Amino acid sequence: MIKYRVQFCFASICSLIDIASEYQIPVVLNSVGVEGYDIRTFRCQQLKKALQNKNVKYISVRDDLDTLVNQYLDGNPKCICKKVADPAVWISDMLNIQKSKSEKIGIGIGRGNLFKDYGKSMPSEDIFDFYCNLIRKLITNNKVELFTNGAIDDCEFAKKIQYKLSQEGINIALVIPRNLDHLVKTIATYNCILATRLHSCILAYSLDVPAIGFVWNDKLKLWGENIQAEDFFIDVENMKVGYVLGLLDKLKKYHYDLKNKEQFKNSIKDSIDEILNIFFYSSHL
């Protein structure tokens, strides 16, 4: 939500804070992402001004706390600032969906221009070729399936990959989820995933499905660090089929640190409890 480059969340956040300030309503931003900072960008500076509004009382972030505190808040925050997990780490518990025993590999597809739009030197044509070449190698010894998170542009790009391979006689299934429940159940059927979208990786983590993430935005790299699996989140320089296949051999034997996972999951729960205590329960004392 603290972003300004491609999507225009900044306008909604600024307006929301302005209106809340007018009516003296405290603002809490809970487990938001922080998408960098640029002193030269008007949208970023408008967002900075809004976040320093006195009615902003609490900000928890799922990734870049340092940028929030030292850039947006000038190293002197007037509100409570915390780093927490994304709430989606609880999805397995919430929906009571568990990982099934499987050898199937899921490949999560994002739209072709995603990397280029975020300043990565990998245009749509190169991403297309990368996925196709990767699948050609994987399909000989593994059961492979494509999936998306459901975004229309992601699905269209995945269909193009599926069609291209079908022309070569490689028939590969593509799962387009109908809803969140369907997406979670789909990821639960994989032994591991190779994915572009952050929330595919977060849902996989919740389900104990190990993931390789293709980094088009620093939030994926930061997520990898948060879960102590940063080696599995790779930038475009390492998005080569040979490198990914080598990493996949390690991934198949990988297990998340359960103690760290429990502490990490509880960080968002504890933060919500703190928010309730500050802004609800204390008002009734």
C-alpha atoms as a PDB file:
ATOM      1  CA  MET A   1       0.000   0.000   0.000  1.00  0.00           C
ATOM      2  CA  ILE A   2       2.947   2.379   0.529  1.00  0.00           C
ATOM      3  CA  LYS A   3       3.683   2.456  -3.184  1.00  0.00           C
ATOM      4  CA  TYR A   4       3.781   5.026  -5.968  1.00  0.00           C
ATOM      5  CA  ARG A   5       5.516   3.620  -9.049  1.00  0.00           C
ATOM      6  CA  VAL A   6       3.078   1.555 -11.113  1.00  0.00           C
ATOM      7  CA  GLN A   7      -0.237   1.416  -9.283  1.00  0.00           C
ATOM      8  CA  PHE A   8      -1.844   4.501  -7.739  1.00  0.00           C
ATOM      9  CA  CYS A   9      -2.447   3.362  -4.176  1.00  0.00           C
ATOM     10  CA  PHE A  10      -0.782   6.565  -2.987  1.00  0.00           C
ATOM     11  CA  ALA A  11      -3.822   8.654  -4.015  1.00  0.00           C
ATOM     12  CA  SER A  12      -6.235   6.472  -2.040  1.00  0.00           C
ATOM     13  CA  ILE A  13      -3.975   6.438   1.028  1.00  0.00           C
ATOM     14  CA  CYS A  14      -3.468  10.226   0.929  1.00  0.00           C
ATOM     15  CA  SER A  15      -7.196  10.874   0.557  1.00  0.00           C
ATOM     16  CA  LEU A  16      -8.111   8.415   3.295  1.00  0.00           C
ATOM     17  CA  ILE A  17      -5.677  10.010   5.743  1.00  0.00           C
ATOM     18  CA  ASP A  18      -6.848  13.533   4.843  1.00  0.00           C
ATOM     19  CA  ILE A  19     -10.500  12.664   5.454  1.00  0.00           C
ATOM     20  CA  ALA A  20      -9.711  10.780   8.679  1.00  0.00           C
ATOM     21  CA  SER A  21      -7.721  13.784   9.875  1.00  0.00           C
ATOM     22  CA  GLU A  22     -10.610  16.143   9.133  1.00  0.00           C
ATOM     23  CA  TYR A  23     -12.890  14.067  11.381  1.00  0.00           C
ATOM     24  CA  GLN A  24     -10.181  13.326  13.976  1.00  0.00           C
ATOM     25  CA  ILE A  25     -10.288   9.567  13.304  1.00  0.00           C
ATOM     26  CA  PRO A  26      -7.031   7.725  14.098  1.00  0.00           C
ATOM     27  CA  VAL A  27      -5.452   5.848  11.188  1.00  0.00           C
ATOM     28  CA  VAL A  28      -3.831   2.416  11.452  1.00  0.00           C
ATOM     29  CA  LEU A  29      -1.995   0.849   8.499  1.00  0.00           C
ATOM     30  CA  ASN A  30      -1.651  -2.855   9.178  1.00  0.00           C
ATOM     31  CA  SER A  31       0.944  -5.159   7.566  1.00  0.00           C
ATOM     32  CA  VAL A  32       1.435  -3.011   4.481  1.00  0.00           C
ATOM     33  CA  GLY A  33       4.168  -3.314   1.904  1.00  0.00           C
ATOM     34  CA  VAL A  34       6.711  -0.508   1.407  1.00  0.00           C
ATOM     35  CA  GLU A  35       7.754  -0.074  -2.220  1.00  0.00           C
ATOM     36  CA  GLY A  36      10.913   1.973  -2.018  1.00  0.00           C
ATOM     37  CA  TYR A  37      11.399   5.723  -1.770  1.00  0.00           C
ATOM     38  CA  ASP A  38      12.367   8.490  -4.198  1.00  0.00           C
ATOM     39  CA  ILE A  39      12.889  12.096  -3.120  1.00  0.00           C
ATOM     40  CA  ARG A  40      12.463  13.237  -6.748  1.00  0.00           C
ATOM     41  CA  THR A  41       9.031  11.680  -7.295  1.00  0.00           C
ATOM     42  CA  PHE A  42       5.986  13.845  -6.538  1.00  0.00           C
ATOM     43  CA  ARG A  43       3.725  10.864  -5.764  1.00  0.00           C
ATOM     44  CA  CYS A  44       6.243   9.503  -3.261  1.00  0.00           C
ATOM     45  CA  GLN A  45       6.563  12.857  -1.535  1.00  0.00           C
ATOM     46  CA  GLN A  46       2.778  13.241  -1.299  1.00  0.00           C
ATOM     47  CA  LEU A  47       2.677   9.824   0.336  1.00  0.00           C
ATOM     48  CA  LYS A  48       5.426  10.873   2.745  1.00  0.00           C
ATOM     49  CA  LYS A  49       3.472  13.966   3.739  1.00  0.00           C
ATOM     50  CA  ALA A  50       0.335  11.892   4.381  1.00  0.00           C
ATOM     51  CA  LEU A  51       2.176   9.311   6.499  1.00  0.00           C
ATOM     52  CA  GLN A  52       3.516  12.093   8.729  1.00  0.00           C
ATOM     53  CA  ASN A  53      -0.032  13.307   9.473  1.00  0.00           C
ATOM     54  CA  LYS A  54      -0.623  13.399  13.241  1.00  0.00           C
ATOM     55  CA  ASN A  55      -3.713  11.188  12.854  1.00  0.00           C
ATOM     56  CA  VAL A  56      -1.565   8.278  11.632  1.00  0.00           C
ATOM     57  CA  LYS A  57      -1.067   6.432  14.912  1.00  0.00           C
ATOM     58  CA  TYR A  58       0.236   2.977  14.000  1.00  0.00           C
ATOM     59  CA  ILE A  59       1.981   1.475  10.965  1.00  0.00           C
ATOM     60  CA  SER A  60       3.023  -2.160  10.712  1.00  0.00           C
ATOM     61  CA  VAL A  61       4.883  -3.309   7.605  1.00  0.00           C
ATOM     62  CA  ARG A  62       5.520  -6.753   6.171  1.00  0.00           C
ATOM     63  CA  ASP A  63       8.876  -5.871   4.625  1.00  0.00           C
ATOM     64  CA  ASP A  64      10.918  -2.647   4.587  1.00  0.00           C
ATOM     65  CA  LEU A  65      10.659  -1.088   8.052  1.00  0.00           C
ATOM     66  CA  ASP A  66      13.956   0.754   7.589  1.00  0.00           C
ATOM     67  CA  THR A  67      12.696   2.699   4.552  1.00  0.00           C
ATOM     68  CA  LEU A  68       9.469   3.565   6.331  1.00  0.00           C
ATOM     69  CA  VAL A  69      11.184   4.888   9.454  1.00  0.00           C
ATOM     70  CA  ASN A  70      14.243   6.568   7.975  1.00  0.00           C
ATOM     71  CA  GLN A  71      12.892   7.872   4.662  1.00  0.00           C
ATOM     72  CA  TYR A  72       9.140   8.404   4.916  1.00  0.00           C
ATOM     73  CA  LEU A  73       9.254   9.387   8.605  1.00  0.00           C
ATOM     74  CA  ASP A  74      12.696  11.073   8.540  1.00  0.00           C
ATOM     75  CA  GLY A  75      14.124   8.809  11.230  1.00  0.00           C
ATOM     76  CA  ASN A  76      11.817  10.317  13.844  1.00  0.00           C
ATOM     77  CA  PRO A  77       8.439   8.557  13.718  1.00  0.00           C
ATOM     78  CA  LYS A  78       5.616  10.086  15.741  1.00  0.00           C
ATOM     79  CA  CYS A  79       3.570   6.884  15.478  1.00  0.00           C
ATOM     80  CA  ILE A  80       4.164   3.266  16.495  1.00  0.00           C
ATOM     81  CA  CYS A  81       6.068   1.377  13.769  1.00  0.00           C
ATOM     82  CA  LYS A  82       6.456  -2.415  13.679  1.00  0.00           C
ATOM     83  CA  LYS A  83       7.594  -5.147  11.304  1.00  0.00           C
ATOM     84  CA  VAL A  84       5.173  -8.071  11.114  1.00  0.00           C
ATOM     85  CA  ALA A  85       4.204 -10.992   8.922  1.00  0.00           C
ATOM     86  CA  ASP A  86       1.689 -10.735   6.117  1.00  0.00           C
ATOM     87  CA  PRO A  87      -1.710 -11.956   7.457  1.00  0.00           C
ATOM     88  CA  ALA A  88      -1.825 -14.546   4.665  1.00  0.00           C
ATOM     89  CA  VAL A  89       0.663 -16.685   6.625  1.00  0.00           C
ATOM     90  CA  TRP A  90      -2.423 -17.840   8.586  1.00  0.00           C
ATOM     91  CA  ILE A  91      -4.363 -19.002   5.515  1.00  0.00           C
ATOM     92  CA  SER A  92      -3.750 -22.718   6.069  1.00  0.00           C
ATOM     93  CA  ASP A  93      -5.113 -22.442   9.620  1.00  0.00           C
ATOM     94  CA  MET A  94      -7.990 -20.176   8.604  1.00  0.00           C
ATOM     95  CA  LEU A  95      -9.268 -22.425   5.812  1.00  0.00           C
ATOM     96  CA  ASN A  96      -8.134 -25.672   7.447  1.00  0.00           C
ATOM     97  CA  ILE A  97      -6.315 -26.722   4.269  1.00  0.00           C
ATOM     98  CA  GLN A  98      -3.150 -28.811   4.545  1.00  0.00           C
ATOM     99  CA  LYS A  99      -0.456 -29.768   2.072  1.00  0.00           C
ATOM    100  CA  SER A 100      -1.081 -33.108   0.364  1.00  0.00           C
ATOM    101  CA  LYS A 101       1.609 -35.652  -0.434  1.00  0.00           C
ATOM    102  CA  SER A 102       2.644 -34.965  -4.025  1.00  0.00           C
ATOM    103  CA  GLU A 103       5.558 -34.864  -6.446  1.00  0.00           C
ATOM    104  CA  LYS A 104       3.891 -32.260  -8.671  1.00  0.00           C
ATOM    105  CA  ILE A 105       5.655 -28.944  -9.309  1.00  0.00           C
ATOM    106  CA  GLY A 106       3.550 -25.798  -9.654  1.00  0.00           C
ATOM    107  CA  ILE A 107       4.755 -22.919 -11.828  1.00  0.00           C
ATOM    108  CA  GLY A 108       3.049 -19.659 -10.894  1.00  0.00           C
ATOM    109  CA  ILE A 109       2.828 -17.267 -13.830  1.00  0.00           C
ATOM    110  CA  GLY A 110       2.740 -13.468 -13.662  1.00  0.00           C
ATOM    111  CA  ARG A 111       2.035 -11.131 -16.592  1.00  0.00           C
ATOM    112  CA  GLY A 112       4.769 -10.753 -19.166  1.00  0.00           C
ATOM    113  CA  ASN A 113       5.584  -7.078 -18.635  1.00  0.00           C
ATOM    114  CA  LEU A 114       5.768  -7.319 -14.858  1.00  0.00           C
ATOM    115  CA  PHE A 115       9.572  -7.338 -14.656  1.00  0.00           C
ATOM    116  CA  LYS A 116      10.047  -4.554 -17.206  1.00  0.00           C
ATOM    117  CA  ASP A 117       7.423  -2.352 -15.519  1.00  0.00           C
ATOM    118  CA  TYR A 118       9.420  -2.512 -12.293  1.00  0.00           C
ATOM    119  CA  GLY A 119      12.746  -1.632 -13.900  1.00  0.00           C
ATOM    120  CA  LYS A 120      14.094  -5.157 -14.400  1.00  0.00           C
ATOM    121  CA  SER A 121      15.983  -5.887 -17.619  1.00  0.00           C
ATOM    122  CA  MET A 122      13.753  -8.743 -18.710  1.00  0.00           C
ATOM    123  CA  PRO A 123      11.062  -7.892 -21.293  1.00  0.00           C
ATOM    124  CA  SER A 124       7.958  -9.962 -21.930  1.00  0.00           C
ATOM    125  CA  GLU A 125       9.548 -11.940 -24.795  1.00  0.00           C
ATOM    126  CA  ASP A 126      12.442 -13.055 -22.599  1.00  0.00           C
ATOM    127  CA  ILE A 127      10.110 -14.033 -19.750  1.00  0.00           C
ATOM    128  CA  PHE A 128       8.008 -16.039 -22.214  1.00  0.00           C
ATOM    129  CA  ASP A 129      11.063 -17.888 -23.518  1.00  0.00           C
ATOM    130  CA  PHE A 130      12.332 -18.484 -19.974  1.00  0.00           C
ATOM    131  CA  TYR A 131       9.096 -20.145 -18.860  1.00  0.00           C
ATOM    132  CA  CYS A 132       8.826 -22.243 -22.020  1.00  0.00           C
ATOM    133  CA  ASN A 133      12.442 -23.437 -21.815  1.00  0.00           C
ATOM    134  CA  LEU A 134      12.102 -24.196 -18.105  1.00  0.00           C
ATOM    135  CA  ILE A 135       8.963 -26.262 -18.673  1.00  0.00           C
ATOM    136  CA  ARG A 136      10.561 -28.156 -21.567  1.00  0.00           C
ATOM    137  CA  LYS A 137      13.351 -29.241 -19.224  1.00  0.00           C
ATOM    138  CA  LEU A 138      11.148 -29.991 -16.237  1.00  0.00           C
ATOM    139  CA  ILE A 139       8.455 -31.948 -18.042  1.00  0.00           C
ATOM    140  CA  THR A 140      10.806 -34.802 -19.010  1.00  0.00           C
ATOM    141  CA  ASN A 141      11.285 -35.978 -15.404  1.00  0.00           C
ATOM    142  CA  ASN A 142       8.567 -34.234 -13.415  1.00  0.00           C
ATOM    143  CA  LYS A 143       4.829 -33.734 -13.276  1.00  0.00           C
ATOM    144  CA  VAL A 144       4.365 -30.021 -13.895  1.00  0.00           C
ATOM    145  CA  GLU A 145       1.328 -27.722 -13.749  1.00  0.00           C
ATOM    146  CA  LEU A 146       0.849 -24.020 -14.447  1.00  0.00           C
ATOM    147  CA  PHE A 147      -1.241 -21.795 -12.193  1.00  0.00           C
ATOM    148  CA  THR A 148      -1.965 -18.126 -11.623  1.00  0.00           C
ATOM    149  CA  ASN A 149      -3.326 -16.075  -8.736  1.00  0.00           C
ATOM    150  CA  GLY A 150      -6.283 -15.196 -10.948  1.00  0.00           C
ATOM    151  CA  ALA A 151      -5.316 -11.760 -12.329  1.00  0.00           C
ATOM    152  CA  ILE A 152      -6.569 -11.398 -15.925  1.00  0.00           C
ATOM    153  CA  ASP A 153      -3.222 -10.369 -17.468  1.00  0.00           C
ATOM    154  CA  ASP A 154      -1.442 -13.216 -15.658  1.00  0.00           C
ATOM    155  CA  CYS A 155      -3.990 -15.719 -16.988  1.00  0.00           C
ATOM    156  CA  GLU A 156      -3.694 -14.471 -20.570  1.00  0.00           C
ATOM    157  CA  PHE A 157       0.091 -14.769 -20.455  1.00  0.00           C
ATOM    158  CA  ALA A 158      -0.148 -18.269 -18.967  1.00  0.00           C
ATOM    159  CA  LYS A 159      -2.544 -19.310 -21.759  1.00  0.00           C
ATOM    160  CA  LYS A 160      -0.019 -18.136 -24.360  1.00  0.00           C
ATOM    161  CA  ILE A 161       2.676 -20.272 -22.748  1.00  0.00           C
ATOM    162  CA  GLN A 162       0.323 -23.248 -22.588  1.00  0.00           C
ATOM    163  CA  TYR A 163      -0.653 -22.807 -26.274  1.00  0.00           C
ATOM    164  CA  LYS A 164       2.954 -22.459 -27.449  1.00  0.00           C
ATOM    165  CA  LEU A 165       3.927 -25.693 -25.711  1.00  0.00           C
ATOM    166  CA  SER A 166       0.844 -27.524 -26.987  1.00  0.00           C
ATOM    167  CA  GLN A 167       1.994 -26.772 -30.540  1.00  0.00           C
ATOM    168  CA  GLU A 168       5.130 -28.742 -29.706  1.00  0.00           C
ATOM    169  CA  GLY A 169       3.121 -31.664 -28.340  1.00  0.00           C
ATOM    170  CA  ILE A 170       3.697 -30.687 -24.692  1.00  0.00           C
ATOM    171  CA  ASN A 171       0.320 -30.710 -22.980  1.00  0.00           C
ATOM    172  CA  ILE A 172       0.449 -29.020 -19.609  1.00  0.00           C
ATOM    173  CA  ALA A 173      -2.475 -28.210 -17.325  1.00  0.00           C
ATOM    174  CA  LEU A 174      -3.240 -24.626 -16.335  1.00  0.00           C
ATOM    175  CA  VAL A 175      -5.203 -23.870 -13.162  1.00  0.00           C
ATOM    176  CA  ILE A 176      -6.979 -20.521 -13.057  1.00  0.00           C
ATOM    177  CA  PRO A 177      -8.422 -20.214  -9.545  1.00  0.00           C
ATOM    178  CA  ARG A 178     -12.077 -19.292  -9.119  1.00  0.00           C
ATOM    179  CA  ASN A 179     -11.480 -17.774  -5.684  1.00  0.00           C
ATOM    180  CA  LEU A 180      -9.044 -17.741  -2.763  1.00  0.00           C
ATOM    181  CA  ASP A 181     -10.154 -21.137  -1.485  1.00  0.00           C
ATOM    182  CA  HIS A 182      -9.483 -22.684  -4.905  1.00  0.00           C
ATOM    183  CA  LEU A 183      -6.036 -21.052  -5.113  1.00  0.00           C
ATOM    184  CA  VAL A 184      -5.011 -22.309  -1.668  1.00  0.00           C
ATOM    185  CA  LYS A 185      -6.273 -25.828  -2.441  1.00  0.00           C
ATOM    186  CA  THR A 186      -4.322 -25.750  -5.719  1.00  0.00           C
ATOM    187  CA  ILE A 187      -1.020 -24.755  -4.095  1.00  0.00           C
ATOM    188  CA  ALA A 188      -1.600 -27.415  -1.420  1.00  0.00           C
ATOM    189  CA  THR A 189      -1.370 -30.091  -4.153  1.00  0.00           C
ATOM    190  CA  TYR A 190       2.240 -29.198  -5.047  1.00  0.00           C
ATOM    191  CA  ASN A 191       5.471 -30.599  -3.701  1.00  0.00           C
ATOM    192  CA  CYS A 192       7.024 -27.171  -4.393  1.00  0.00           C
ATOM    193  CA  ILE A 193       6.385 -24.113  -6.519  1.00  0.00           C
ATOM    194  CA  LEU A 194       8.337 -21.738  -8.749  1.00  0.00           C
ATOM    195  CA  ALA A 195       6.381 -18.516  -8.682  1.00  0.00           C
ATOM    196  CA  THR A 196       6.345 -14.874  -9.721  1.00  0.00           C
ATOM    197  CA  ARG A 197       3.606 -13.481  -7.495  1.00  0.00           C
ATOM    198  CA  LEU A 198       4.444 -12.723  -3.863  1.00  0.00           C
ATOM    199  CA  HIS A 199       1.208 -14.101  -2.469  1.00  0.00           C
ATOM    200  CA  SER A 200       1.736 -17.434  -4.201  1.00  0.00           C
ATOM    201  CA  CYS A 201       4.931 -17.670  -2.158  1.00  0.00           C
ATOM    202  CA  ILE A 202       3.197 -16.536   1.044  1.00  0.00           C
ATOM    203  CA  LEU A 203       0.368 -19.049   0.642  1.00  0.00           C
ATOM    204  CA  ALA A 204       2.938 -21.758  -0.087  1.00  0.00           C
ATOM    205  CA  TYR A 205       4.771 -20.833   3.123  1.00  0.00           C
ATOM    206  CA  SER A 206       1.548 -21.112   5.094  1.00  0.00           C
ATOM    207  CA  LEU A 207       1.022 -24.584   3.611  1.00  0.00           C
ATOM    208  CA  ASP A 208       4.665 -25.699   4.154  1.00  0.00           C
ATOM    209  CA  VAL A 209       5.183 -25.882   0.387  1.00  0.00           C
ATOM    210  CA  PRO A 210       8.743 -24.685  -0.398  1.00  0.00           C
ATOM    211  CA  ALA A 211       9.011 -21.999  -3.083  1.00  0.00           C
ATOM    212  CA  ILE A 212      11.415 -20.402  -5.508  1.00  0.00           C
ATOM    213  CA  GLY A 213      10.451 -16.780  -6.113  1.00  0.00           C
ATOM    214  CA  PHE A 214      11.330 -14.815  -9.253  1.00  0.00           C
ATOM    215  CA  VAL A 215      12.120 -11.290  -8.046  1.00  0.00           C
ATOM    216  CA  TRP A 216      10.474  -8.535 -10.099  1.00  0.00           C
ATOM    217  CA  ASN A 217      10.074  -6.330  -7.016  1.00  0.00           C
ATOM    218  CA  ASP A 218      12.189  -6.078  -3.861  1.00  0.00           C
ATOM    219  CA  LYS A 219       9.213  -7.219  -1.781  1.00  0.00           C
ATOM    220  CA  LEU A 220       9.903 -10.789  -2.915  1.00  0.00           C
ATOM    221  CA  LYS A 221      13.553 -10.539  -1.891  1.00  0.00           C
ATOM    222  CA  LEU A 222      12.538  -9.106   1.491  1.00  0.00           C
ATOM    223  CA  TRP A 223       9.982 -11.870   1.934  1.00  0.00           C
ATOM    224  CA  GLY A 224      12.709 -14.451   1.352  1.00  0.00           C
ATOM    225  CA  GLU A 225      14.819 -12.801   4.049  1.00  0.00           C
ATOM    226  CA  ASN A 226      11.865 -12.699   6.453  1.00  0.00           C
ATOM    227  CA  ILE A 227      11.388 -16.465   6.239  1.00  0.00           C
ATOM    228  CA  GLN A 228      15.149 -17.219   6.215  1.00  0.00           C
ATOM    229  CA  ALA A 229      15.013 -18.611   2.677  1.00  0.00           C
ATOM    230  CA  GLU A 230      16.609 -15.736   0.752  1.00  0.00           C
ATOM    231  CA  ASP A 231      18.690 -18.049  -1.457  1.00  0.00           C
ATOM    232  CA  PHE A 232      15.492 -19.256  -3.113  1.00  0.00           C
ATOM    233  CA  PHE A 233      14.409 -15.777  -4.223  1.00  0.00           C
ATOM    234  CA  ILE A 234      16.357 -14.921  -7.336  1.00  0.00           C
ATOM    235  CA  ASP A 235      16.871 -11.780  -9.425  1.00  0.00           C
ATOM    236  CA  VAL A 236      16.723 -11.688 -13.213  1.00  0.00           C
ATOM    237  CA  GLU A 237      20.495 -12.252 -13.513  1.00  0.00           C
ATOM    238  CA  ASN A 238      19.968 -15.772 -12.149  1.00  0.00           C
ATOM    239  CA  MET A 239      16.779 -16.523 -14.049  1.00  0.00           C
ATOM    240  CA  LYS A 240      18.557 -19.041 -16.237  1.00  0.00           C
ATOM    241  CA  VAL A 241      17.134 -22.518 -16.696  1.00  0.00           C
ATOM    242  CA  GLY A 242      20.286 -24.300 -15.520  1.00  0.00           C
ATOM    243  CA  TYR A 243      20.544 -22.204 -12.378  1.00  0.00           C
ATOM    244  CA  VAL A 244      16.870 -22.697 -11.508  1.00  0.00           C
ATOM    245  CA  LEU A 245      17.087 -26.463 -12.026  1.00  0.00           C
ATOM    246  CA  GLY A 246      20.067 -26.627  -9.655  1.00  0.00           C
ATOM    247  CA  LEU A 247      18.165 -24.602  -7.082  1.00  0.00           C
ATOM    248  CA  LEU A 248      15.141 -26.850  -7.532  1.00  0.00           C
ATOM    249  CA  ASP A 249      17.155 -29.909  -6.466  1.00  0.00           C
ATOM    250  CA  LYS A 250      17.873 -28.137  -3.168  1.00  0.00           C
ATOM    251  CA  LEU A 251      14.282 -26.934  -2.852  1.00  0.00           C
ATOM    252  CA  LYS A 252      12.841 -30.441  -3.006  1.00  0.00           C
ATOM    253  CA  LYS A 253      14.773 -31.320   0.173  1.00  0.00           C
ATOM    254  CA  TYR A 254      14.090 -28.022   1.928  1.00  0.00           C
ATOM    255  CA  HIS A 255      11.936 -27.554   5.034  1.00  0.00           C
ATOM    256  CA  TYR A 256      10.957 -24.283   6.689  1.00  0.00           C
ATOM    257  CA  ASP A 257      12.234 -23.676  10.209  1.00  0.00           C
ATOM    258  CA  LEU A 258       9.072 -24.399  12.221  1.00  0.00           C
ATOM    259  CA  LYS A 259      10.175 -22.465  15.327  1.00  0.00           C
ATOM    260  CA  ASN A 260      10.925 -19.371  13.252  1.00  0.00           C
ATOM    261  CA  LYS A 261       7.677 -19.838  11.361  1.00  0.00           C
ATOM    262  CA  GLU A 262       5.600 -19.900  14.548  1.00  0.00           C
ATOM    263  CA  GLN A 263       7.260 -16.730  15.857  1.00  0.00           C
ATOM    264  CA  PHE A 264       6.851 -15.037  12.500  1.00  0.00           C
ATOM    265  CA  LYS A 265       3.164 -15.939  12.259  1.00  0.00           C
ATOM    266  CA  ASN A 266       2.515 -14.673  15.763  1.00  0.00           C
ATOM    267  CA  SER A 267       4.038 -11.263  14.957  1.00  0.00           C
ATOM    268  CA  ILE A 268       0.923 -10.233  13.019  1.00  0.00           C
ATOM    269  CA  LYS A 269      -1.411 -11.667  15.654  1.00  0.00           C
ATOM    270  CA  ASP A 270       0.435  -9.837  18.445  1.00  0.00           C
ATOM    271  CA  SER A 271       0.330  -6.617  16.446  1.00  0.00           C
ATOM    272  CA  ILE A 272      -3.432  -6.844  15.950  1.00  0.00           C
ATOM    273  CA  ASP A 273      -3.863  -7.525  19.676  1.00  0.00           C
ATOM    274  CA  GLU A 274      -1.811  -4.403  20.390  1.00  0.00           C
ATOM    275  CA  ILE A 275      -3.922  -2.317  18.008  1.00  0.00           C
ATOM    276  CA  LEU A 276      -7.122  -3.517  19.673  1.00  0.00           C
ATOM    277  CA  ASN A 277      -5.744  -2.743  23.128  1.00  0.00           C
ATOM    278  CA  ILE A 278      -4.698   0.765  22.134  1.00  0.00           C
ATOM    279  CA  PHE A 279      -7.698   1.828  20.088  1.00  0.00           C
ATOM    280  CA  PHE A 280     -10.593  -0.191  21.436  1.00  0.00           C
ATOM    281  CA  TYR A 281     -10.215  -1.816  24.831  1.00  0.00           C
ATOM    282  CA  SER A 282      -8.388   1.107  26.466  1.00  0.00           C
ATOM    283  CA  SER A 283     -11.184   3.470  25.439  1.00  0.00           C
ATOM    284  CA  HIS A 284     -13.580   1.502  27.659  1.00  0.00           C
ATOM    285  CA  LEU A 285     -11.394   1.463  30.777  1.00  0.00           C
END
